[in-house]
């Protein structure tokens, strides 16, 4: 019997968020992002994905803060999928329009896309 090994790479895109949960585990980091540091640029995010892939990742986990506040998330997700990688987006679910857009844009890859709320 053969088993397929999944190698996950977690990429923290930044700490900006659209909510202020009392239980948030990244509040200290959020203060950094609001001060202008701690968030990956689009170029840095693509470089992180490329590095994860070159290190053998078969699944890219995009998280933050809240990744759906990034305007580049749909394109970044499509990029990961186009490279043949599974993608999980960890979100608080408040930006349902962005989640829907990502799903609609990647219908042919839905078996490789996971939204974790």
PDB file of N, CA and C in Angstrom:
ATOM      1  N   UNK A   1       0.838  -1.176   0.000  1.00  0.00           N
ATOM      2  CA  UNK A   1       0.000   0.000   0.000  1.00  0.00           C
ATOM      3  C   UNK A   1       0.886   1.243   0.000  1.00  0.00           C
ATOM      4  N   UNK A   2       0.600   2.147  -0.886  1.00  0.00           N
ATOM      5  CA  UNK A   2       1.362   3.381  -1.024  1.00  0.00           C
ATOM      6  C   UNK A   2       0.631   4.538  -0.324  1.00  0.00           C
ATOM      7  N   UNK A   3       1.388   5.353   0.361  1.00  0.00           N
ATOM      8  CA  UNK A   3       0.791   6.526   1.004  1.00  0.00           C
ATOM      9  C   UNK A   3       1.390   7.778   0.398  1.00  0.00           C
ATOM     10  N   UNK A   4       0.553   8.771   0.268  1.00  0.00           N
ATOM     11  CA  UNK A   4       0.994  10.057  -0.253  1.00  0.00           C
ATOM     12  C   UNK A   4       1.238  10.968   0.938  1.00  0.00           C
ATOM     13  N   UNK A   5       2.418  11.509   1.009  1.00  0.00           N
ATOM     14  CA  UNK A   5       2.788  12.385   2.115  1.00  0.00           C
ATOM     15  C   UNK A   5       2.503  13.829   1.741  1.00  0.00           C
ATOM     16  N   UNK A   6       1.738  14.520   2.586  1.00  0.00           N
ATOM     17  CA  UNK A   6       1.450  15.927   2.370  1.00  0.00           C
ATOM     18  C   UNK A   6       2.439  16.747   3.183  1.00  0.00           C
ATOM     19  N   UNK A   7       3.119  17.635   2.502  1.00  0.00           N
ATOM     20  CA  UNK A   7       4.036  18.542   3.175  1.00  0.00           C
ATOM     21  C   UNK A   7       3.404  19.927   3.129  1.00  0.00           C
ATOM     22  N   UNK A   8       2.975  20.400   4.307  1.00  0.00           N
ATOM     23  CA  UNK A   8       2.328  21.713   4.390  1.00  0.00           C
ATOM     24  C   UNK A   8       3.355  22.798   4.663  1.00  0.00           C
ATOM     25  N   UNK A   9       3.152  23.912   4.020  1.00  0.00           N
ATOM     26  CA  UNK A   9       3.943  25.104   4.310  1.00  0.00           C
ATOM     27  C   UNK A   9       2.976  26.212   4.703  1.00  0.00           C
ATOM     28  N   UNK A  10       3.139  26.723   5.913  1.00  0.00           N
ATOM     29  CA  UNK A  10       2.281  27.788   6.416  1.00  0.00           C
ATOM     30  C   UNK A  10       2.937  29.134   6.135  1.00  0.00           C
ATOM     31  N   UNK A  11       2.206  29.985   5.437  1.00  0.00           N
ATOM     32  CA  UNK A  11       2.715  31.316   5.107  1.00  0.00           C
ATOM     33  C   UNK A  11       1.814  32.339   5.777  1.00  0.00           C
ATOM     34  N   UNK A  12       2.389  33.069   6.718  1.00  0.00           N
ATOM     35  CA  UNK A  12       1.669  34.148   7.395  1.00  0.00           C
ATOM     36  C   UNK A  12       1.843  35.390   6.519  1.00  0.00           C
ATOM     37  N   UNK A  13       0.760  35.792   5.877  1.00  0.00           N
ATOM     38  CA  UNK A  13       0.825  36.904   4.928  1.00  0.00           C
ATOM     39  C   UNK A  13       0.927  38.256   5.609  1.00  0.00           C
ATOM     40  N   UNK A  14       0.466  38.338   6.824  1.00  0.00           N
ATOM     41  CA  UNK A  14       0.496  39.587   7.573  1.00  0.00           C
ATOM     42  C   UNK A  14      -0.469  39.503   8.729  1.00  0.00           C
ATOM     43  N   UNK A  15      -0.582  40.586   9.461  1.00  0.00           N
ATOM     44  CA  UNK A  15      -1.400  40.558  10.672  1.00  0.00           C
ATOM     45  C   UNK A  15      -2.559  41.544  10.645  1.00  0.00           C
ATOM     46  N   UNK A  16      -2.785  42.199   9.515  1.00  0.00           N
ATOM     47  CA  UNK A  16      -3.967  43.058   9.427  1.00  0.00           C
ATOM     48  C   UNK A  16      -5.210  42.194   9.564  1.00  0.00           C
ATOM     49  N   UNK A  17      -6.267  42.781  10.116  1.00  0.00           N
ATOM     50  CA  UNK A  17      -7.484  42.021  10.338  1.00  0.00           C
ATOM     51  C   UNK A  17      -8.686  42.958  10.278  1.00  0.00           C
ATOM     52  N   UNK A  18      -9.839  42.382   9.982  1.00  0.00           N
ATOM     53  CA  UNK A  18     -11.085  43.140   9.896  1.00  0.00           C
ATOM     54  C   UNK A  18     -11.971  42.920  11.121  1.00  0.00           C
ATOM     55  N   UNK A  19     -11.391  42.358  12.165  1.00  0.00           N
ATOM     56  CA  UNK A  19     -12.171  42.082  13.370  1.00  0.00           C
ATOM     57  C   UNK A  19     -11.260  42.221  14.588  1.00  0.00           C
ATOM     58  N   UNK A  20     -11.834  42.386  15.735  1.00  0.00           N
ATOM     59  CA  UNK A  20     -11.075  42.550  16.987  1.00  0.00           C
ATOM     60  C   UNK A  20     -11.533  41.503  18.006  1.00  0.00           C
ATOM     61  N   UNK A  21     -11.207  40.269  17.748  1.00  0.00           N
ATOM     62  CA  UNK A  21     -11.623  39.187  18.641  1.00  0.00           C
ATOM     63  C   UNK A  21     -10.847  39.247  19.956  1.00  0.00           C
ATOM     64  N   UNK A  22     -11.538  39.082  21.047  1.00  0.00           N
ATOM     65  CA  UNK A  22     -10.898  39.081  22.370  1.00  0.00           C
ATOM     66  C   UNK A  22      -9.915  37.929  22.509  1.00  0.00           C
ATOM     67  N   UNK A  23     -10.213  36.830  21.862  1.00  0.00           N
ATOM     68  CA  UNK A  23      -9.379  35.640  21.992  1.00  0.00           C
ATOM     69  C   UNK A  23      -8.232  35.595  20.975  1.00  0.00           C
ATOM     70  N   UNK A  24      -8.038  36.647  20.224  1.00  0.00           N
ATOM     71  CA  UNK A  24      -7.037  36.649  19.153  1.00  0.00           C
ATOM     72  C   UNK A  24      -5.637  36.349  19.696  1.00  0.00           C
ATOM     73  N   UNK A  25      -4.964  35.431  19.030  1.00  0.00           N
ATOM     74  CA  UNK A  25      -3.617  35.053  19.451  1.00  0.00           C
ATOM     75  C   UNK A  25      -2.529  35.901  18.786  1.00  0.00           C
ATOM     76  N   UNK A  26      -2.920  36.789  17.891  1.00  0.00           N
ATOM     77  CA  UNK A  26      -1.919  37.583  17.178  1.00  0.00           C
ATOM     78  C   UNK A  26      -2.073  39.088  17.423  1.00  0.00           C
ATOM     79  N   UNK A  27      -2.697  39.483  18.521  1.00  0.00           N
ATOM     80  CA  UNK A  27      -2.924  40.910  18.767  1.00  0.00           C
ATOM     81  C   UNK A  27      -1.624  41.707  18.844  1.00  0.00           C
ATOM     82  N   UNK A  28      -0.602  41.142  19.446  1.00  0.00           N
ATOM     83  CA  UNK A  28       0.684  41.840  19.544  1.00  0.00           C
ATOM     84  C   UNK A  28       1.258  42.061  18.152  1.00  0.00           C
ATOM     85  N   UNK A  29       1.159  41.040  17.319  1.00  0.00           N
ATOM     86  CA  UNK A  29       1.653  41.158  15.942  1.00  0.00           C
ATOM     87  C   UNK A  29       0.819  42.158  15.145  1.00  0.00           C
ATOM     88  N   UNK A  30      -0.482  42.239  15.438  1.00  0.00           N
ATOM     89  CA  UNK A  30      -1.343  43.180  14.731  1.00  0.00           C
ATOM     90  C   UNK A  30      -0.870  44.614  14.970  1.00  0.00           C
ATOM     91  N   UNK A  31      -0.434  44.910  16.170  1.00  0.00           N
ATOM     92  CA  UNK A  31       0.072  46.250  16.468  1.00  0.00           C
ATOM     93  C   UNK A  31       1.269  46.572  15.576  1.00  0.00           C
ATOM     94  N   UNK A  32       2.114  45.581  15.315  1.00  0.00           N
ATOM     95  CA  UNK A  32       3.243  45.788  14.411  1.00  0.00           C
ATOM     96  C   UNK A  32       2.764  46.113  13.000  1.00  0.00           C
ATOM     97  N   UNK A  33       1.768  45.381  12.533  1.00  0.00           N
ATOM     98  CA  UNK A  33       1.300  45.600  11.165  1.00  0.00           C
ATOM     99  C   UNK A  33       0.633  46.951  11.026  1.00  0.00           C
ATOM    100  N   UNK A  34      -0.070  47.382  12.056  1.00  0.00           N
ATOM    101  CA  UNK A  34      -0.705  48.693  12.005  1.00  0.00           C
ATOM    102  C   UNK A  34       0.324  49.806  12.040  1.00  0.00           C
ATOM    103  N   UNK A  35       1.510  49.491  12.564  1.00  0.00           N
ATOM    104  CA  UNK A  35       2.605  50.457  12.578  1.00  0.00           C
ATOM    105  C   UNK A  35       3.394  50.426  11.272  1.00  0.00           C
ATOM    106  N   UNK A  36       2.992  49.531  10.351  1.00  0.00           N
ATOM    107  CA  UNK A  36       3.621  49.517   9.038  1.00  0.00           C
ATOM    108  C   UNK A  36       4.607  48.395   8.802  1.00  0.00           C
ATOM    109  N   UNK A  37       4.739  47.475   9.749  1.00  0.00           N
ATOM    110  CA  UNK A  37       5.651  46.348   9.533  1.00  0.00           C
ATOM    111  C   UNK A  37       4.915  45.048   9.826  1.00  0.00           C
ATOM    112  N   UNK A  38       5.488  43.951   9.414  1.00  0.00           N
ATOM    113  CA  UNK A  38       4.906  42.655   9.706  1.00  0.00           C
ATOM    114  C   UNK A  38       4.039  42.082   8.602  1.00  0.00           C
ATOM    115  N   UNK A  39       3.753  42.843   7.560  1.00  0.00           N
ATOM    116  CA  UNK A  39       2.952  42.340   6.444  1.00  0.00           C
ATOM    117  C   UNK A  39       3.853  42.093   5.240  1.00  0.00           C
ATOM    118  N   UNK A  40       3.648  40.956   4.580  1.00  0.00           N
ATOM    119  CA  UNK A  40       4.413  40.678   3.374  1.00  0.00           C
ATOM    120  C   UNK A  40       3.867  41.510   2.225  1.00  0.00           C
ATOM    121  N   UNK A  41       4.753  42.030   1.412  1.00  0.00           N
ATOM    122  CA  UNK A  41       4.330  42.672   0.170  1.00  0.00           C
ATOM    123  C   UNK A  41       3.884  41.562  -0.781  1.00  0.00           C
ATOM    124  N   UNK A  42       3.247  41.938  -1.863  1.00  0.00           N
ATOM    125  CA  UNK A  42       2.842  40.943  -2.858  1.00  0.00           C
ATOM    126  C   UNK A  42       4.061  40.192  -3.371  1.00  0.00           C
ATOM    127  N   UNK A  43       5.117  40.908  -3.672  1.00  0.00           N
ATOM    128  CA  UNK A  43       6.347  40.283  -4.168  1.00  0.00           C
ATOM    129  C   UNK A  43       6.906  39.301  -3.140  1.00  0.00           C
ATOM    130  N   UNK A  44       6.902  39.677  -1.869  1.00  0.00           N
ATOM    131  CA  UNK A  44       7.395  38.797  -0.809  1.00  0.00           C
ATOM    132  C   UNK A  44       6.501  37.568  -0.646  1.00  0.00           C
ATOM    133  N   UNK A  45       5.188  37.750  -0.805  1.00  0.00           N
ATOM    134  CA  UNK A  45       4.255  36.623  -0.694  1.00  0.00           C
ATOM    135  C   UNK A  45       4.508  35.603  -1.801  1.00  0.00           C
ATOM    136  N   UNK A  46       4.685  36.077  -3.038  1.00  0.00           N
ATOM    137  CA  UNK A  46       4.988  35.171  -4.143  1.00  0.00           C
ATOM    138  C   UNK A  46       6.327  34.467  -3.912  1.00  0.00           C
ATOM    139  N   UNK A  47       7.300  35.195  -3.409  1.00  0.00           N
ATOM    140  CA  UNK A  47       8.606  34.600  -3.120  1.00  0.00           C
ATOM    141  C   UNK A  47       8.497  33.532  -2.034  1.00  0.00           C
ATOM    142  N   UNK A  48       7.651  33.770  -1.032  1.00  0.00           N
ATOM    143  CA  UNK A  48       7.444  32.778   0.029  1.00  0.00           C
ATOM    144  C   UNK A  48       6.795  31.517  -0.524  1.00  0.00           C
ATOM    145  N   UNK A  49       5.838  31.688  -1.426  1.00  0.00           N
ATOM    146  CA  UNK A  49       5.200  30.529  -2.069  1.00  0.00           C
ATOM    147  C   UNK A  49       6.234  29.767  -2.897  1.00  0.00           C
ATOM    148  N   UNK A  50       7.025  30.475  -3.684  1.00  0.00           N
ATOM    149  CA  UNK A  50       8.040  29.815  -4.503  1.00  0.00           C
ATOM    150  C   UNK A  50       9.046  29.059  -3.639  1.00  0.00           C
ATOM    151  N   UNK A  51       9.431  29.654  -2.518  1.00  0.00           N
ATOM    152  CA  UNK A  51      10.381  28.997  -1.625  1.00  0.00           C
ATOM    153  C   UNK A  51       9.754  27.740  -1.006  1.00  0.00           C
ATOM    154  N   UNK A  52       8.504  27.838  -0.612  1.00  0.00           N
ATOM    155  CA  UNK A  52       7.810  26.678  -0.038  1.00  0.00           C
ATOM    156  C   UNK A  52       7.757  25.538  -1.051  1.00  0.00           C
ATOM    157  N   UNK A  53       7.441  25.871  -2.287  1.00  0.00           N
ATOM    158  CA  UNK A  53       7.373  24.859  -3.335  1.00  0.00           C
ATOM    159  C   UNK A  53       8.743  24.243  -3.584  1.00  0.00           C
ATOM    160  N   UNK A  54       9.774  25.081  -3.634  1.00  0.00           N
ATOM    161  CA  UNK A  54      11.121  24.551  -3.872  1.00  0.00           C
ATOM    162  C   UNK A  54      11.604  23.692  -2.704  1.00  0.00           C
ATOM    163  N   UNK A  55      11.014  23.894  -1.528  1.00  0.00           N
ATOM    164  CA  UNK A  55      11.355  23.072  -0.363  1.00  0.00           C
ATOM    165  C   UNK A  55      10.465  21.837  -0.242  1.00  0.00           C
ATOM    166  N   UNK A  56       9.632  21.579  -1.247  1.00  0.00           N
ATOM    167  CA  UNK A  56       8.873  20.347  -1.292  1.00  0.00           C
ATOM    168  C   UNK A  56       7.438  20.415  -0.797  1.00  0.00           C
ATOM    169  N   UNK A  57       6.913  21.610  -0.595  1.00  0.00           N
ATOM    170  CA  UNK A  57       5.530  21.730  -0.111  1.00  0.00           C
ATOM    171  C   UNK A  57       4.550  21.226  -1.155  1.00  0.00           C
ATOM    172  N   UNK A  58       3.594  20.436  -0.705  1.00  0.00           N
ATOM    173  CA  UNK A  58       2.513  20.001  -1.583  1.00  0.00           C
ATOM    174  C   UNK A  58       1.220  20.731  -1.244  1.00  0.00           C
ATOM    175  N   UNK A  59       1.215  21.415  -0.083  1.00  0.00           N
ATOM    176  CA  UNK A  59       0.047  22.181   0.342  1.00  0.00           C
ATOM    177  C   UNK A  59       0.523  23.510   0.930  1.00  0.00           C
ATOM    178  N   UNK A  60      -0.085  24.597   0.450  1.00  0.00           N
ATOM    179  CA  UNK A  60       0.243  25.931   0.925  1.00  0.00           C
ATOM    180  C   UNK A  60      -0.910  26.406   1.804  1.00  0.00           C
ATOM    181  N   UNK A  61      -0.602  26.776   3.047  1.00  0.00           N
ATOM    182  CA  UNK A  61      -1.593  27.290   3.987  1.00  0.00           C
ATOM    183  C   UNK A  61      -1.367  28.793   4.117  1.00  0.00           C
ATOM    184  N   UNK A  62      -2.371  29.576   3.721  1.00  0.00           N
ATOM    185  CA  UNK A  62      -2.283  31.033   3.764  1.00  0.00           C
ATOM    186  C   UNK A  62      -3.067  31.529   4.969  1.00  0.00           C
ATOM    187  N   UNK A  63      -2.377  32.256   5.839  1.00  0.00           N
ATOM    188  CA  UNK A  63      -3.022  32.744   7.057  1.00  0.00           C
ATOM    189  C   UNK A  63      -2.501  34.120   7.404  1.00  0.00           C
ATOM    190  N   UNK A  64      -2.856  34.586   8.560  1.00  0.00           N
ATOM    191  CA  UNK A  64      -2.410  35.882   9.032  1.00  0.00           C
ATOM    192  C   UNK A  64      -2.711  36.004  10.499  1.00  0.00           C
ATOM    193  N   UNK A  65      -3.063  37.129  10.798  1.00  0.00           N
ATOM    194  CA  UNK A  65      -4.168  38.011  10.752  1.00  0.00           C
ATOM    195  C   UNK A  65      -5.277  37.421   9.885  1.00  0.00           C
ATOM    196  N   UNK A  66      -5.793  38.252   9.065  1.00  0.00           N
ATOM    197  CA  UNK A  66      -6.912  37.851   8.196  1.00  0.00           C
ATOM    198  C   UNK A  66      -6.492  38.011   6.740  1.00  0.00           C
ATOM    199  N   UNK A  67      -6.214  36.901   6.041  1.00  0.00           N
ATOM    200  CA  UNK A  67      -5.714  36.999   4.668  1.00  0.00           C
ATOM    201  C   UNK A  67      -6.699  37.601   3.681  1.00  0.00           C
ATOM    202  N   UNK A  68      -8.013  37.521   3.961  1.00  0.00           N
ATOM    203  CA  UNK A  68      -8.983  38.041   2.991  1.00  0.00           C
ATOM    204  C   UNK A  68      -9.014  39.565   2.937  1.00  0.00           C
ATOM    205  N   UNK A  69      -8.285  40.252   3.802  1.00  0.00           N
ATOM    206  CA  UNK A  69      -8.222  41.717   3.694  1.00  0.00           C
ATOM    207  C   UNK A  69      -7.190  42.141   2.645  1.00  0.00           C
ATOM    208  N   UNK A  70      -6.432  41.186   2.148  1.00  0.00           N
ATOM    209  CA  UNK A  70      -5.425  41.477   1.124  1.00  0.00           C
ATOM    210  C   UNK A  70      -6.074  41.483  -0.250  1.00  0.00           C
ATOM    211  N   UNK A  71      -5.799  42.505  -1.032  1.00  0.00           N
ATOM    212  CA  UNK A  71      -6.367  42.576  -2.376  1.00  0.00           C
ATOM    213  C   UNK A  71      -5.733  41.554  -3.318  1.00  0.00           C
ATOM    214  N   UNK A  72      -4.545  41.065  -2.982  1.00  0.00           N
ATOM    215  CA  UNK A  72      -3.856  40.118  -3.855  1.00  0.00           C
ATOM    216  C   UNK A  72      -4.161  38.652  -3.530  1.00  0.00           C
ATOM    217  N   UNK A  73      -5.016  38.381  -2.551  1.00  0.00           N
ATOM    218  CA  UNK A  73      -5.277  36.990  -2.158  1.00  0.00           C
ATOM    219  C   UNK A  73      -5.865  36.147  -3.288  1.00  0.00           C
ATOM    220  N   UNK A  74      -6.840  36.635  -4.079  1.00  0.00           N
ATOM    221  CA  UNK A  74      -7.345  35.797  -5.180  1.00  0.00           C
ATOM    222  C   UNK A  74      -6.251  35.393  -6.173  1.00  0.00           C
ATOM    223  N   UNK A  75      -5.391  36.324  -6.529  1.00  0.00           N
ATOM    224  CA  UNK A  75      -4.319  36.023  -7.481  1.00  0.00           C
ATOM    225  C   UNK A  75      -3.271  35.096  -6.854  1.00  0.00           C
ATOM    226  N   UNK A  76      -2.963  35.315  -5.590  1.00  0.00           N
ATOM    227  CA  UNK A  76      -1.988  34.469  -4.904  1.00  0.00           C
ATOM    228  C   UNK A  76      -2.509  33.034  -4.788  1.00  0.00           C
ATOM    229  N   UNK A  77      -3.785  32.899  -4.496  1.00  0.00           N
ATOM    230  CA  UNK A  77      -4.403  31.572  -4.425  1.00  0.00           C
ATOM    231  C   UNK A  77      -4.351  30.884  -5.787  1.00  0.00           C
ATOM    232  N   UNK A  78      -4.727  31.605  -6.825  1.00  0.00           N
ATOM    233  CA  UNK A  78      -4.701  31.044  -8.184  1.00  0.00           C
ATOM    234  C   UNK A  78      -3.280  30.642  -8.579  1.00  0.00           C
ATOM    235  N   UNK A  79      -2.308  31.422  -8.175  1.00  0.00           N
ATOM    236  CA  UNK A  79      -0.907  31.109  -8.469  1.00  0.00           C
ATOM    237  C   UNK A  79      -0.512  29.776  -7.834  1.00  0.00           C
ATOM    238  N   UNK A  80      -0.842  29.597  -6.560  1.00  0.00           N
ATOM    239  CA  UNK A  80      -0.519  28.341  -5.875  1.00  0.00           C
ATOM    240  C   UNK A  80      -1.182  27.154  -6.567  1.00  0.00           C
ATOM    241  N   UNK A  81      -2.444  27.305  -6.913  1.00  0.00           N
ATOM    242  CA  UNK A  81      -3.175  26.232  -7.586  1.00  0.00           C
ATOM    243  C   UNK A  81      -2.594  25.943  -8.969  1.00  0.00           C
ATOM    244  N   UNK A  82      -2.191  26.986  -9.671  1.00  0.00           N
ATOM    245  CA  UNK A  82      -1.616  26.794 -11.008  1.00  0.00           C
ATOM    246  C   UNK A  82      -0.283  26.062 -10.950  1.00  0.00           C
ATOM    247  N   UNK A  83       0.370  26.107  -9.803  1.00  0.00           N
ATOM    248  CA  UNK A  83       1.630  25.386  -9.610  1.00  0.00           C
ATOM    249  C   UNK A  83       1.376  23.953  -9.138  1.00  0.00           C
ATOM    250  N   UNK A  84       0.085  23.546  -9.115  1.00  0.00           N
ATOM    251  CA  UNK A  84      -0.263  22.175  -8.756  1.00  0.00           C
ATOM    252  C   UNK A  84      -0.306  21.900  -7.266  1.00  0.00           C
ATOM    253  N   UNK A  85      -0.407  22.933  -6.470  1.00  0.00           N
ATOM    254  CA  UNK A  85      -0.397  22.765  -5.016  1.00  0.00           C
ATOM    255  C   UNK A  85      -1.798  22.872  -4.428  1.00  0.00           C
ATOM    256  N   UNK A  86      -2.041  22.114  -3.373  1.00  0.00           N
ATOM    257  CA  UNK A  86      -3.271  22.273  -2.608  1.00  0.00           C
ATOM    258  C   UNK A  86      -3.145  23.572  -1.823  1.00  0.00           C
ATOM    259  N   UNK A  87      -4.283  24.211  -1.563  1.00  0.00           N
ATOM    260  CA  UNK A  87      -4.271  25.493  -0.845  1.00  0.00           C
ATOM    261  C   UNK A  87      -5.326  25.458   0.261  1.00  0.00           C
ATOM    262  N   UNK A  88      -4.930  25.918   1.418  1.00  0.00           N
ATOM    263  CA  UNK A  88      -5.872  26.140   2.509  1.00  0.00           C
ATOM    264  C   UNK A  88      -5.774  27.617   2.894  1.00  0.00           C
ATOM    265  N   UNK A  89      -6.924  28.267   2.980  1.00  0.00           N
ATOM    266  CA  UNK A  89      -6.978  29.653   3.440  1.00  0.00           C
ATOM    267  C   UNK A  89      -7.629  29.638   4.817  1.00  0.00           C
ATOM    268  N   UNK A  90      -6.912  30.149   5.805  1.00  0.00           N
ATOM    269  CA  UNK A  90      -7.446  30.224   7.157  1.00  0.00           C
ATOM    270  C   UNK A  90      -8.013  31.623   7.352  1.00  0.00           C
ATOM    271  N   UNK A  91      -9.334  31.695   7.566  1.00  0.00           N
ATOM    272  CA  UNK A  91     -10.027  32.978   7.599  1.00  0.00           C
ATOM    273  C   UNK A  91     -11.039  33.017   8.738  1.00  0.00           C
ATOM    274  N   UNK A  92     -11.388  34.224   9.158  1.00  0.00           N
ATOM    275  CA  UNK A  92     -12.443  34.365  10.167  1.00  0.00           C
ATOM    276  C   UNK A  92     -13.831  34.336   9.529  1.00  0.00           C
ATOM    277  N   UNK A  93     -13.897  34.346   8.203  1.00  0.00           N
ATOM    278  CA  UNK A  93     -15.154  34.199   7.486  1.00  0.00           C
ATOM    279  C   UNK A  93     -15.966  35.470   7.320  1.00  0.00           C
ATOM    280  N   UNK A  94     -15.465  36.610   7.789  1.00  0.00           N
ATOM    281  CA  UNK A  94     -16.238  37.845   7.692  1.00  0.00           C
ATOM    282  C   UNK A  94     -16.241  38.428   6.285  1.00  0.00           C
ATOM    283  N   UNK A  95     -15.205  38.173   5.491  1.00  0.00           N
ATOM    284  CA  UNK A  95     -15.161  38.669   4.111  1.00  0.00           C
ATOM    285  C   UNK A  95     -15.670  37.596   3.163  1.00  0.00           C
ATOM    286  N   UNK A  96     -16.925  37.226   3.329  1.00  0.00           N
ATOM    287  CA  UNK A  96     -17.490  36.138   2.546  1.00  0.00           C
ATOM    288  C   UNK A  96     -17.461  36.440   1.044  1.00  0.00           C
ATOM    289  N   UNK A  97     -17.513  37.684   0.669  1.00  0.00           N
ATOM    290  CA  UNK A  97     -17.451  38.044  -0.762  1.00  0.00           C
ATOM    291  C   UNK A  97     -16.107  37.673  -1.368  1.00  0.00           C
ATOM    292  N   UNK A  98     -15.030  37.852  -0.615  1.00  0.00           N
ATOM    293  CA  UNK A  98     -13.701  37.490  -1.111  1.00  0.00           C
ATOM    294  C   UNK A  98     -13.586  35.971  -1.210  1.00  0.00           C
ATOM    295  N   UNK A  99     -14.076  35.273  -0.201  1.00  0.00           N
ATOM    296  CA  UNK A  99     -14.052  33.807  -0.222  1.00  0.00           C
ATOM    297  C   UNK A  99     -14.838  33.294  -1.425  1.00  0.00           C
ATOM    298  N   UNK A 100     -15.991  33.873  -1.657  1.00  0.00           N
ATOM    299  CA  UNK A 100     -16.815  33.467  -2.810  1.00  0.00           C
ATOM    300  C   UNK A 100     -16.080  33.733  -4.127  1.00  0.00           C
ATOM    301  N   UNK A 101     -15.459  34.907  -4.240  1.00  0.00           N
ATOM    302  CA  UNK A 101     -14.714  35.249  -5.450  1.00  0.00           C
ATOM    303  C   UNK A 101     -13.609  34.226  -5.707  1.00  0.00           C
ATOM    304  N   UNK A 102     -12.873  33.860  -4.672  1.00  0.00           N
ATOM    305  CA  UNK A 102     -11.788  32.885  -4.824  1.00  0.00           C
ATOM    306  C   UNK A 102     -12.347  31.546  -5.275  1.00  0.00           C
ATOM    307  N   UNK A 103     -13.440  31.121  -4.669  1.00  0.00           N
ATOM    308  CA  UNK A 103     -14.055  29.842  -5.062  1.00  0.00           C
ATOM    309  C   UNK A 103     -14.540  29.879  -6.501  1.00  0.00           C
ATOM    310  N   UNK A 104     -15.217  30.958  -6.878  1.00  0.00           N
ATOM    311  CA  UNK A 104     -15.736  31.067  -8.243  1.00  0.00           C
ATOM    312  C   UNK A 104     -14.623  31.105  -9.277  1.00  0.00           C
ATOM    313  N   UNK A 105     -13.519  31.768  -8.955  1.00  0.00           N
ATOM    314  CA  UNK A 105     -12.413  31.879  -9.900  1.00  0.00           C
ATOM    315  C   UNK A 105     -11.642  30.563 -10.054  1.00  0.00           C
ATOM    316  N   UNK A 106     -11.824  29.665  -9.109  1.00  0.00           N
ATOM    317  CA  UNK A 106     -11.041  28.431  -9.116  1.00  0.00           C
ATOM    318  C   UNK A 106     -11.918  27.189  -9.103  1.00  0.00           C
ATOM    319  N   UNK A 107     -13.071  27.259  -9.774  1.00  0.00           N
ATOM    320  CA  UNK A 107     -14.015  26.135  -9.783  1.00  0.00           C
ATOM    321  C   UNK A 107     -13.371  24.829 -10.244  1.00  0.00           C
ATOM    322  N   UNK A 108     -12.508  24.902 -11.223  1.00  0.00           N
ATOM    323  CA  UNK A 108     -11.894  23.681 -11.743  1.00  0.00           C
ATOM    324  C   UNK A 108     -10.871  23.081 -10.779  1.00  0.00           C
ATOM    325  N   UNK A 109     -10.506  23.832  -9.746  1.00  0.00           N
ATOM    326  CA  UNK A 109      -9.522  23.359  -8.765  1.00  0.00           C
ATOM    327  C   UNK A 109     -10.106  23.213  -7.366  1.00  0.00           C
ATOM    328  N   UNK A 110     -11.432  23.182  -7.262  1.00  0.00           N
ATOM    329  CA  UNK A 110     -12.061  23.148  -5.934  1.00  0.00           C
ATOM    330  C   UNK A 110     -11.660  21.927  -5.112  1.00  0.00           C
ATOM    331  N   UNK A 111     -11.272  20.845  -5.767  1.00  0.00           N
ATOM    332  CA  UNK A 111     -10.832  19.672  -5.021  1.00  0.00           C
ATOM    333  C   UNK A 111      -9.484  19.888  -4.342  1.00  0.00           C
ATOM    334  N   UNK A 112      -8.801  20.973  -4.689  1.00  0.00           N
ATOM    335  CA  UNK A 112      -7.515  21.286  -4.081  1.00  0.00           C
ATOM    336  C   UNK A 112      -7.542  22.564  -3.241  1.00  0.00           C
ATOM    337  N   UNK A 113      -8.736  23.133  -3.063  1.00  0.00           N
ATOM    338  CA  UNK A 113      -8.889  24.377  -2.310  1.00  0.00           C
ATOM    339  C   UNK A 113      -9.721  24.140  -1.061  1.00  0.00           C
ATOM    340  N   UNK A 114      -9.195  24.568   0.062  1.00  0.00           N
ATOM    341  CA  UNK A 114      -9.867  24.387   1.343  1.00  0.00           C
ATOM    342  C   UNK A 114      -9.960  25.735   2.039  1.00  0.00           C
ATOM    343  N   UNK A 115     -11.152  26.053   2.511  1.00  0.00           N
ATOM    344  CA  UNK A 115     -11.362  27.284   3.268  1.00  0.00           C
ATOM    345  C   UNK A 115     -11.617  26.879   4.714  1.00  0.00           C
ATOM    346  N   UNK A 116     -10.751  27.296   5.606  1.00  0.00           N
ATOM    347  CA  UNK A 116     -10.907  26.969   7.024  1.00  0.00           C
ATOM    348  C   UNK A 116     -11.358  28.215   7.762  1.00  0.00           C
ATOM    349  N   UNK A 117     -12.564  28.137   8.321  1.00  0.00           N
ATOM    350  CA  UNK A 117     -13.108  29.262   9.076  1.00  0.00           C
ATOM    351  C   UNK A 117     -13.006  28.965  10.554  1.00  0.00           C
TER     352      UNK A 117
END
